[in-house]
Protein backbone atom coordinates (compact mmCIF):
# COMPACT_ATOMS: atom_id res chain seq x y z
CA MET A 1 18.66 40.10 31.84
CA LEU A 2 21.56 41.04 29.58
CA VAL A 3 20.67 42.87 26.40
CA GLN A 4 23.29 42.97 23.69
CA ARG A 5 23.49 46.42 22.12
CA SER A 6 25.73 45.28 19.33
CA ARG A 7 24.65 46.23 15.80
CA SER A 8 26.48 46.10 12.57
CA LEU A 9 28.10 49.27 11.32
CA LYS A 10 26.60 48.59 7.95
CA ALA A 11 23.15 48.96 9.51
CA ARG A 12 24.10 52.26 11.12
CA LEU A 13 26.23 53.96 8.51
CA ARG A 14 25.75 54.60 4.82
CA THR A 15 28.49 54.42 2.25
CA PRO A 16 30.10 57.86 1.99
CA PRO A 17 28.81 59.75 -1.08
CA LEU A 18 32.28 60.12 -2.57
CA MET A 19 33.15 56.43 -2.36
CA SER A 20 31.24 53.25 -3.06
CA THR A 21 32.12 49.60 -2.70
CA GLY A 22 35.20 48.82 -4.74
CA ASP A 23 36.32 52.42 -5.18
CA VAL A 24 40.02 53.11 -5.10
CA GLY A 25 41.26 55.04 -2.08
CA LEU A 26 44.57 56.80 -1.60
CA ASN A 27 46.47 53.52 -1.11
CA GLY A 28 44.46 51.15 -3.28
CA VAL A 29 41.09 49.41 -3.14
CA VAL A 30 38.97 50.13 -0.06
CA GLU A 31 37.74 46.95 1.62
CA ARG A 32 34.25 47.08 3.09
CA VAL A 33 33.61 44.89 6.12
CA GLU A 34 30.77 44.47 8.59
CA ALA A 35 31.68 45.28 12.19
CA GLU A 36 29.80 45.20 15.47
CA LEU A 37 29.13 48.61 17.01
CA PHE A 38 28.71 48.42 20.80
CA THR A 39 28.20 52.14 21.44
CA ASP A 40 26.95 55.12 19.50
CA GLY A 41 29.17 56.20 16.63
CA ARG A 42 30.77 59.22 18.31
CA ASN A 43 34.50 60.03 18.32
CA ASP A 44 35.32 57.01 20.49
CA ALA A 45 33.08 54.23 19.22
CA VAL A 46 33.61 50.71 20.63
CA VAL A 47 33.75 48.38 17.62
CA ARG A 48 34.60 44.70 17.05
CA LEU A 49 36.03 43.83 13.64
CA PRO A 50 35.53 40.39 12.09
CA GLY A 51 37.95 37.82 13.45
CA ARG A 52 38.74 39.73 16.61
CA ARG A 53 37.81 38.34 20.05
CA PHE A 54 37.57 41.71 21.81
CA PRO A 55 36.26 45.06 20.60
CA GLY A 56 38.54 48.03 20.10
CA VAL A 57 38.06 51.77 20.28
CA LEU A 58 37.79 53.64 17.00
CA ILE A 59 39.00 57.21 17.28
CA GLN A 60 38.88 59.91 14.63
CA GLY A 61 42.07 60.86 12.82
CA ASP A 62 42.46 64.24 14.54
CA SER A 63 42.05 62.80 18.05
CA PRO A 64 45.64 61.48 18.42
CA HIS A 65 46.94 64.92 17.35
CA ILE A 66 44.76 66.64 19.94
CA LEU A 67 45.80 64.18 22.67
CA ARG A 68 49.47 64.67 21.80
CA SER A 69 49.08 68.42 21.99
CA ASP A 70 47.34 68.16 25.38
CA LEU A 71 50.10 65.83 26.65
CA ALA A 72 52.83 68.24 25.48
CA ASP A 73 51.14 71.05 27.44
CA ALA A 74 50.89 68.83 30.51
CA TRP A 75 54.53 67.56 30.24
CA ASP A 76 56.05 70.41 32.25
CA SER A 77 53.45 70.01 34.99
CA ALA A 78 53.97 66.27 35.04
CA GLY A 79 57.73 66.76 35.48
CA LEU A 80 57.13 68.94 38.54
CA LEU A 81 54.69 66.39 39.99
CA LEU A 82 57.17 63.56 39.37
CA ALA A 83 59.99 65.48 41.07
CA GLY A 84 57.77 66.13 44.09
CA LEU A 85 56.71 62.52 44.27
CA ASP A 86 60.34 61.33 43.98
CA ALA A 87 61.29 63.63 46.90
CA LEU A 88 58.37 62.30 48.96
CA LEU A 89 59.31 58.67 48.25
CA THR A 90 62.97 59.32 49.11
CA ARG A 91 61.99 60.94 52.43
CA TYR A 92 59.65 58.01 53.17
CA ALA A 93 62.29 55.38 52.38
CA ASP A 94 64.93 57.24 54.45
CA ALA A 95 62.57 57.37 57.45
CA LEU A 96 61.77 53.67 57.21
CA ARG A 97 65.43 52.75 56.80
CA GLU A 98 66.42 54.86 59.82
CA HIS A 99 63.84 53.02 61.96
CA VAL A 100 64.64 49.58 60.45
CA ILE A 101 61.18 49.18 58.95
CA PRO A 102 60.98 47.32 55.59
CA ARG A 103 59.39 49.17 52.70
CA PRO A 104 55.92 47.80 51.72
CA TYR A 105 56.89 47.86 48.03
């Protein structure tokens, strides 16, 4: 039996104390909408907005910055891995060509 965990965000979250319906945000009026919440409301909540067929992932504003920082740290390591993989693929392709075996890709 399939149980749908979806609940509206409105049922789970209260209006922030500093803003209420119709308040003006940094870029104009804040629009309040009901959305379906498919997971708990952590940093990577799965949410479906009205009019959308599929849910999306809501991430907090600092998460992209953290991910970018992590990726920048990994960039040097990724370059070394890519160079090693390129060398391996070249050696593989050379061996197949030398023995007249077609590449599987």
